[in-house]
PDB file of all heavy atoms in Angstrom:
ATOM      1  N   GLY A   1       9.908 -41.786 -31.513  1.00  0.00           N
ATOM      2  CA  GLY A   1      10.805 -42.760 -32.115  1.00  0.00           C
ATOM      3  C   GLY A   1      11.683 -42.149 -33.178  1.00  0.00           C
ATOM      4  O   GLY A   1      12.885 -42.483 -33.315  1.00  0.00           O
ATOM      5  N   ALA A   2      11.109 -41.255 -33.992  1.00  0.00           N
ATOM      6  CA  ALA A   2      11.896 -40.609 -35.044  1.00  0.00           C
ATOM      7  C   ALA A   2      12.963 -39.703 -34.452  1.00  0.00           C
ATOM      8  O   ALA A   2      14.112 -39.671 -34.945  1.00  0.00           O
ATOM      9  CB  ALA A   2      10.973 -39.795 -35.957  1.00  0.00           C
ATOM     10  N   ILE A   3      12.625 -38.971 -33.380  1.00  0.00           N
ATOM     11  CA  ILE A   3      13.632 -38.121 -32.723  1.00  0.00           C
ATOM     12  C   ILE A   3      14.722 -38.973 -32.081  1.00  0.00           C
ATOM     13  O   ILE A   3      15.887 -38.630 -32.069  1.00  0.00           O
ATOM     14  CB  ILE A   3      12.963 -37.202 -31.682  1.00  0.00           C
ATOM     15  CG1 ILE A   3      11.957 -36.279 -32.345  1.00  0.00           C
ATOM     16  CG2 ILE A   3      14.005 -36.360 -30.965  1.00  0.00           C
ATOM     17  CD1 ILE A   3      12.470 -35.345 -33.356  1.00  0.00           C
ATOM     18  N   GLN A   4      14.331 -40.130 -31.524  1.00  0.00           N
ATOM     19  CA  GLN A   4      15.323 -41.052 -30.948  1.00  0.00           C
ATOM     20  C   GLN A   4      16.318 -41.493 -32.022  1.00  0.00           C
ATOM     21  O   GLN A   4      17.522 -41.557 -31.750  1.00  0.00           O
ATOM     22  CB  GLN A   4      14.610 -42.257 -30.333  1.00  0.00           C
ATOM     23  CG  GLN A   4      15.568 -43.289 -29.700  1.00  0.00           C
ATOM     24  CD  GLN A   4      16.285 -42.684 -28.506  1.00  0.00           C
ATOM     25  OE1 GLN A   4      15.650 -42.276 -27.534  1.00  0.00           O
ATOM     26  NE2 GLN A   4      17.617 -42.664 -28.563  1.00  0.00           N
ATOM     27  N   ALA A   5      15.824 -41.752 -33.218  1.00  0.00           N
ATOM     28  CA  ALA A   5      16.718 -42.112 -34.326  1.00  0.00           C
ATOM     29  C   ALA A   5      17.633 -40.958 -34.711  1.00  0.00           C
ATOM     30  O   ALA A   5      18.842 -41.169 -34.976  1.00  0.00           O
ATOM     31  CB  ALA A   5      15.886 -42.562 -35.555  1.00  0.00           C
ATOM     32  N   LEU A   6      17.128 -39.742 -34.706  1.00  0.00           N
ATOM     33  CA  LEU A   6      17.985 -38.564 -34.967  1.00  0.00           C
ATOM     34  C   LEU A   6      19.070 -38.450 -33.908  1.00  0.00           C
ATOM     35  O   LEU A   6      20.240 -38.186 -34.188  1.00  0.00           O
ATOM     36  CB  LEU A   6      17.131 -37.284 -34.999  1.00  0.00           C
ATOM     37  CG  LEU A   6      16.341 -36.963 -36.235  1.00  0.00           C
ATOM     38  CD1 LEU A   6      15.510 -35.702 -36.021  1.00  0.00           C
ATOM     39  CD2 LEU A   6      17.253 -36.814 -37.438  1.00  0.00           C
ATOM     40  N   ALA A   7      18.675 -38.605 -32.652  1.00  0.00           N
ATOM     41  CA  ALA A   7      19.641 -38.477 -31.553  1.00  0.00           C
ATOM     42  C   ALA A   7      20.732 -39.551 -31.652  1.00  0.00           C
ATOM     43  O   ALA A   7      21.892 -39.279 -31.344  1.00  0.00           O
ATOM     44  CB  ALA A   7      18.925 -38.556 -30.203  1.00  0.00           C
ATOM     45  N   ALA A   8      20.330 -40.747 -32.054  1.00  0.00           N
ATOM     46  CA  ALA A   8      21.308 -41.826 -32.166  1.00  0.00           C
ATOM     47  C   ALA A   8      22.319 -41.574 -33.277  1.00  0.00           C
ATOM     48  O   ALA A   8      23.488 -41.986 -33.205  1.00  0.00           O
ATOM     49  CB  ALA A   8      20.593 -43.145 -32.400  1.00  0.00           C
ATOM     50  N   ARG A   9      21.900 -40.866 -34.339  1.00  0.00           N
ATOM     51  CA  ARG A   9      22.778 -40.599 -35.467  1.00  0.00           C
ATOM     52  C   ARG A   9      23.606 -39.337 -35.274  1.00  0.00           C
ATOM     53  O   ARG A   9      24.516 -39.051 -36.055  1.00  0.00           O
ATOM     54  CB  ARG A   9      22.001 -40.474 -36.770  1.00  0.00           C
ATOM     55  CG  ARG A   9      21.297 -41.744 -37.231  1.00  0.00           C
ATOM     56  CD  ARG A   9      20.920 -41.658 -38.698  1.00  0.00           C
ATOM     57  NE  ARG A   9      20.052 -40.535 -38.952  1.00  0.00           N
ATOM     58  CZ  ARG A   9      18.711 -40.590 -38.927  1.00  0.00           C
ATOM     59  NH1 ARG A   9      18.114 -41.752 -38.624  1.00  0.00           N
ATOM     60  NH2 ARG A   9      17.980 -39.519 -39.213  1.00  0.00           N
ATOM     61  N   CYS A  10      23.286 -38.555 -34.261  1.00  0.00           N
ATOM     62  CA  CYS A  10      23.992 -37.253 -34.080  1.00  0.00           C
ATOM     63  C   CYS A  10      25.478 -37.527 -33.689  1.00  0.00           C
ATOM     64  O   CYS A  10      25.742 -38.346 -32.818  1.00  0.00           O
ATOM     65  CB  CYS A  10      23.296 -36.450 -32.968  1.00  0.00           C
ATOM     66  SG  CYS A  10      24.053 -34.819 -32.713  1.00  0.00           S
ATOM     67  N   PRO A  11      26.417 -36.863 -34.368  1.00  0.00           N
ATOM     68  CA  PRO A  11      27.825 -37.055 -34.016  1.00  0.00           C
ATOM     69  C   PRO A  11      28.162 -36.669 -32.591  1.00  0.00           C
ATOM     70  O   PRO A  11      29.078 -37.215 -31.984  1.00  0.00           O
ATOM     71  CB  PRO A  11      28.570 -36.150 -35.009  1.00  0.00           C
ATOM     72  CG  PRO A  11      27.590 -35.946 -36.141  1.00  0.00           C
ATOM     73  CD  PRO A  11      26.250 -35.981 -35.534  1.00  0.00           C
ATOM     74  N   VAL A  12      27.422 -35.710 -32.031  1.00  0.00           N
ATOM     75  CA  VAL A  12      27.595 -35.300 -30.639  1.00  0.00           C
ATOM     76  C   VAL A  12      26.713 -36.184 -29.758  1.00  0.00           C
ATOM     77  O   VAL A  12      25.525 -36.345 -30.082  1.00  0.00           O
ATOM     78  CB  VAL A  12      27.251 -33.810 -30.452  1.00  0.00           C
ATOM     79  CG1 VAL A  12      27.339 -33.406 -28.989  1.00  0.00           C
ATOM     80  CG2 VAL A  12      28.146 -32.931 -31.309  1.00  0.00           C
ATOM     81  N   PRO A  13      27.228 -36.764 -28.679  1.00  0.00           N
ATOM     82  CA  PRO A  13      26.380 -37.574 -27.808  1.00  0.00           C
ATOM     83  C   PRO A  13      25.114 -36.836 -27.386  1.00  0.00           C
ATOM     84  O   PRO A  13      25.176 -35.724 -26.869  1.00  0.00           O
ATOM     85  CB  PRO A  13      27.281 -37.875 -26.620  1.00  0.00           C
ATOM     86  CG  PRO A  13      28.682 -37.777 -27.175  1.00  0.00           C
ATOM     87  CD  PRO A  13      28.629 -36.713 -28.214  1.00  0.00           C
ATOM     88  N   CYS A  14      23.978 -37.458 -27.646  1.00  0.00           N
ATOM     89  CA  CYS A  14      22.708 -36.747 -27.453  1.00  0.00           C
ATOM     90  C   CYS A  14      21.756 -37.678 -26.686  1.00  0.00           C
ATOM     91  O   CYS A  14      21.599 -38.858 -26.972  1.00  0.00           O
ATOM     92  CB  CYS A  14      22.071 -36.387 -28.785  1.00  0.00           C
ATOM     93  SG  CYS A  14      20.504 -35.502 -28.683  1.00  0.00           S
ATOM     94  N   MET A  15      21.110 -37.074 -25.660  1.00  0.00           N
ATOM     95  CA  MET A  15      20.141 -37.786 -24.841  1.00  0.00           C
ATOM     96  C   MET A  15      18.743 -37.254 -25.113  1.00  0.00           C
ATOM     97  O   MET A  15      18.552 -36.030 -25.307  1.00  0.00           O
ATOM     98  CB  MET A  15      20.457 -37.652 -23.371  1.00  0.00           C
ATOM     99  CG  MET A  15      21.759 -38.312 -22.940  1.00  0.00           C
ATOM    100  SD  MET A  15      22.029 -38.157 -21.140  1.00  0.00           S
ATOM    101  CE  MET A  15      20.574 -39.027 -20.507  1.00  0.00           C
ATOM    102  N   LEU A  16      17.769 -38.182 -25.142  1.00  0.00           N
ATOM    103  CA  LEU A  16      16.389 -37.798 -25.400  1.00  0.00           C
ATOM    104  C   LEU A  16      15.541 -38.030 -24.163  1.00  0.00           C
ATOM    105  O   LEU A  16      15.599 -39.115 -23.551  1.00  0.00           O
ATOM    106  CB  LEU A  16      15.804 -38.584 -26.572  1.00  0.00           C
ATOM    107  CG  LEU A  16      14.294 -38.409 -26.821  1.00  0.00           C
ATOM    108  CD1 LEU A  16      13.960 -36.995 -27.249  1.00  0.00           C
ATOM    109  CD2 LEU A  16      13.817 -39.411 -27.882  1.00  0.00           C
ATOM    110  N   GLN A  17      14.735 -37.030 -23.784  1.00  0.00           N
ATOM    111  CA  GLN A  17      13.771 -37.190 -22.695  1.00  0.00           C
ATOM    112  C   GLN A  17      12.388 -36.883 -23.297  1.00  0.00           C
ATOM    113  O   GLN A  17      12.159 -35.770 -23.750  1.00  0.00           O
ATOM    114  CB  GLN A  17      14.063 -36.274 -21.530  1.00  0.00           C
ATOM    115  CG  GLN A  17      13.029 -36.388 -20.400  1.00  0.00           C
ATOM    116  CD  GLN A  17      13.321 -35.390 -19.283  1.00  0.00           C
ATOM    117  OE1 GLN A  17      14.301 -34.673 -19.318  1.00  0.00           O
ATOM    118  NE2 GLN A  17      12.438 -35.380 -18.301  1.00  0.00           N
ATOM    119  N   ALA A  18      11.502 -37.860 -23.321  1.00  0.00           N
ATOM    120  CA  ALA A  18      10.215 -37.647 -23.978  1.00  0.00           C
ATOM    121  C   ALA A  18       9.086 -38.309 -23.183  1.00  0.00           C
ATOM    122  O   ALA A  18       9.253 -39.417 -22.670  1.00  0.00           O
ATOM    123  CB  ALA A  18      10.252 -38.256 -25.404  1.00  0.00           C
ATOM    124  N   ASP A  19       7.985 -37.590 -23.072  1.00  0.00           N
ATOM    125  CA  ASP A  19       6.781 -38.179 -22.552  1.00  0.00           C
ATOM    126  C   ASP A  19       6.202 -39.143 -23.598  1.00  0.00           C
ATOM    127  O   ASP A  19       6.650 -39.172 -24.723  1.00  0.00           O
ATOM    128  CB  ASP A  19       5.719 -37.100 -22.255  1.00  0.00           C
ATOM    129  CG  ASP A  19       6.198 -36.089 -21.214  1.00  0.00           C
ATOM    130  OD1 ASP A  19       7.087 -36.477 -20.433  1.00  0.00           O
ATOM    131  OD2 ASP A  19       5.684 -34.958 -21.245  1.00  0.00           O
ATOM    132  N   HIS A  20       5.203 -39.943 -23.197  1.00  0.00           N
ATOM    133  CA  HIS A  20       4.542 -40.768 -24.170  1.00  0.00           C
ATOM    134  C   HIS A  20       3.566 -39.879 -24.974  1.00  0.00           C
ATOM    135  O   HIS A  20       2.507 -39.501 -24.491  1.00  0.00           O
ATOM    136  CB  HIS A  20       3.760 -41.879 -23.461  1.00  0.00           C
ATOM    137  CG  HIS A  20       3.027 -42.776 -24.430  1.00  0.00           C
ATOM    138  ND1 HIS A  20       3.711 -43.605 -25.322  1.00  0.00           N
ATOM    139  CD2 HIS A  20       1.723 -42.984 -24.657  1.00  0.00           C
ATOM    140  CE1 HIS A  20       2.827 -44.286 -26.061  1.00  0.00           C
ATOM    141  NE2 HIS A  20       1.615 -43.917 -25.687  1.00  0.00           N
ATOM    142  N   LEU A  21       3.977 -39.524 -26.179  1.00  0.00           N
ATOM    143  CA  LEU A  21       3.283 -38.523 -26.936  1.00  0.00           C
ATOM    144  C   LEU A  21       2.066 -39.037 -27.654  1.00  0.00           C
ATOM    145  O   LEU A  21       1.083 -38.331 -27.851  1.00  0.00           O
ATOM    146  CB  LEU A  21       4.215 -37.870 -27.960  1.00  0.00           C
ATOM    147  CG  LEU A  21       5.486 -37.191 -27.404  1.00  0.00           C
ATOM    148  CD1 LEU A  21       6.340 -36.657 -28.539  1.00  0.00           C
ATOM    149  CD2 LEU A  21       5.121 -36.072 -26.439  1.00  0.00           C
ATOM    150  N   GLY A  22       2.100 -40.338 -28.076  1.00  0.00           N
ATOM    151  CA  GLY A  22       1.055 -40.817 -28.918  1.00  0.00           C
ATOM    152  C   GLY A  22       1.177 -40.178 -30.303  1.00  0.00           C
ATOM    153  O   GLY A  22       2.181 -39.552 -30.624  1.00  0.00           O
ATOM    154  N   ARG A  23       0.150 -40.332 -31.136  1.00  0.00           N
ATOM    155  CA  ARG A  23       0.214 -39.782 -32.465  1.00  0.00           C
ATOM    156  C   ARG A  23      -0.336 -38.357 -32.453  1.00  0.00           C
ATOM    157  O   ARG A  23      -1.385 -38.069 -31.861  1.00  0.00           O
ATOM    158  CB  ARG A  23      -0.580 -40.621 -33.465  1.00  0.00           C
ATOM    159  CG  ARG A  23      -0.071 -42.023 -33.655  1.00  0.00           C
ATOM    160  CD  ARG A  23       1.459 -42.065 -33.802  1.00  0.00           C
ATOM    161  NE  ARG A  23       1.983 -41.264 -34.852  1.00  0.00           N
ATOM    162  CZ  ARG A  23       2.488 -41.760 -35.995  1.00  0.00           C
ATOM    163  NH1 ARG A  23       2.486 -43.059 -36.229  1.00  0.00           N
ATOM    164  NH2 ARG A  23       2.969 -40.929 -36.902  1.00  0.00           N
ATOM    165  N   LEU A  24       0.400 -37.472 -33.098  1.00  0.00           N
ATOM    166  CA  LEU A  24       0.032 -36.069 -33.215  1.00  0.00           C
ATOM    167  C   LEU A  24      -0.302 -35.762 -34.667  1.00  0.00           C
ATOM    168  O   LEU A  24      -0.004 -36.572 -35.561  1.00  0.00           O
ATOM    169  CB  LEU A  24       1.182 -35.183 -32.741  1.00  0.00           C
ATOM    170  CG  LEU A  24       1.673 -35.421 -31.294  1.00  0.00           C
ATOM    171  CD1 LEU A  24       2.894 -34.554 -30.994  1.00  0.00           C
ATOM    172  CD2 LEU A  24       0.563 -35.120 -30.304  1.00  0.00           C
ATOM    173  N   PRO A  25      -0.918 -34.597 -34.941  1.00  0.00           N
ATOM    174  CA  PRO A  25      -1.168 -34.253 -36.369  1.00  0.00           C
ATOM    175  C   PRO A  25       0.113 -34.335 -37.181  1.00  0.00           C
ATOM    176  O   PRO A  25       1.202 -33.949 -36.722  1.00  0.00           O
ATOM    177  CB  PRO A  25      -1.683 -32.826 -36.267  1.00  0.00           C
ATOM    178  CG  PRO A  25      -2.319 -32.761 -34.907  1.00  0.00           C
ATOM    179  CD  PRO A  25      -1.468 -33.616 -34.049  1.00  0.00           C
ATOM    180  N   ALA A  26       0.004 -34.811 -38.429  1.00  0.00           N
ATOM    181  CA  ALA A  26       1.187 -35.065 -39.271  1.00  0.00           C
ATOM    182  C   ALA A  26       2.004 -33.798 -39.469  1.00  0.00           C
ATOM    183  O   ALA A  26       3.249 -33.841 -39.434  1.00  0.00           O
ATOM    184  CB  ALA A  26       0.739 -35.625 -40.610  1.00  0.00           C
ATOM    185  N   ALA A  27       1.350 -32.643 -39.675  1.00  0.00           N
ATOM    186  CA  ALA A  27       2.064 -31.394 -39.904  1.00  0.00           C
ATOM    187  C   ALA A  27       2.890 -30.995 -38.672  1.00  0.00           C
ATOM    188  O   ALA A  27       4.009 -30.502 -38.763  1.00  0.00           O
ATOM    189  CB  ALA A  27       1.106 -30.267 -40.274  1.00  0.00           C
ATOM    190  N   VAL A  28       2.319 -31.235 -37.481  1.00  0.00           N
ATOM    191  CA  VAL A  28       3.023 -30.907 -36.237  1.00  0.00           C
ATOM    192  C   VAL A  28       4.216 -31.820 -36.052  1.00  0.00           C
ATOM    193  O   VAL A  28       5.325 -31.373 -35.703  1.00  0.00           O
ATOM    194  CB  VAL A  28       2.055 -31.057 -35.021  1.00  0.00           C
ATOM    195  CG1 VAL A  28       2.826 -30.888 -33.717  1.00  0.00           C
ATOM    196  CG2 VAL A  28       0.941 -30.030 -35.120  1.00  0.00           C
ATOM    197  N   GLU A  29       4.053 -33.131 -36.296  1.00  0.00           N
ATOM    198  CA  GLU A  29       5.166 -34.056 -36.179  1.00  0.00           C
ATOM    199  C   GLU A  29       6.278 -33.684 -37.139  1.00  0.00           C
ATOM    200  O   GLU A  29       7.469 -33.688 -36.798  1.00  0.00           O
ATOM    201  CB  GLU A  29       4.666 -35.485 -36.451  1.00  0.00           C
ATOM    202  CG  GLU A  29       3.823 -36.073 -35.363  1.00  0.00           C
ATOM    203  CD  GLU A  29       3.507 -37.519 -35.567  1.00  0.00           C
ATOM    204  OE1 GLU A  29       3.646 -38.014 -36.701  1.00  0.00           O
ATOM    205  OE2 GLU A  29       3.167 -38.204 -34.571  1.00  0.00           O
ATOM    206  N   ALA A  30       5.919 -33.352 -38.401  1.00  0.00           N
ATOM    207  CA  ALA A  30       6.934 -33.016 -39.392  1.00  0.00           C
ATOM    208  C   ALA A  30       7.698 -31.749 -38.968  1.00  0.00           C
ATOM    209  O   ALA A  30       8.941 -31.675 -39.079  1.00  0.00           O
ATOM    210  CB  ALA A  30       6.296 -32.839 -40.743  1.00  0.00           C
ATOM    211  N   ALA A  31       6.957 -30.725 -38.501  1.00  0.00           N
ATOM    212  CA  ALA A  31       7.611 -29.479 -38.138  1.00  0.00           C
ATOM    213  C   ALA A  31       8.574 -29.693 -36.967  1.00  0.00           C
ATOM    214  O   ALA A  31       9.694 -29.191 -36.923  1.00  0.00           O
ATOM    215  CB  ALA A  31       6.574 -28.416 -37.797  1.00  0.00           C
ATOM    216  N   ALA A  32       8.133 -30.482 -35.959  1.00  0.00           N
ATOM    217  CA  ALA A  32       8.988 -30.761 -34.808  1.00  0.00           C
ATOM    218  C   ALA A  32      10.204 -31.564 -35.233  1.00  0.00           C
ATOM    219  O   ALA A  32      11.321 -31.316 -34.755  1.00  0.00           O
ATOM    220  CB  ALA A  32       8.195 -31.506 -33.739  1.00  0.00           C
TER     221      ALA A  32
END
């Protein structure tokens, strides 16, 4: 969801393809 928000705000048209990730470790999510 956070990456989807980034893609929506990007000035260049951006498409997101994502599996259902579920919750990952906080440090991993932040780094990604």
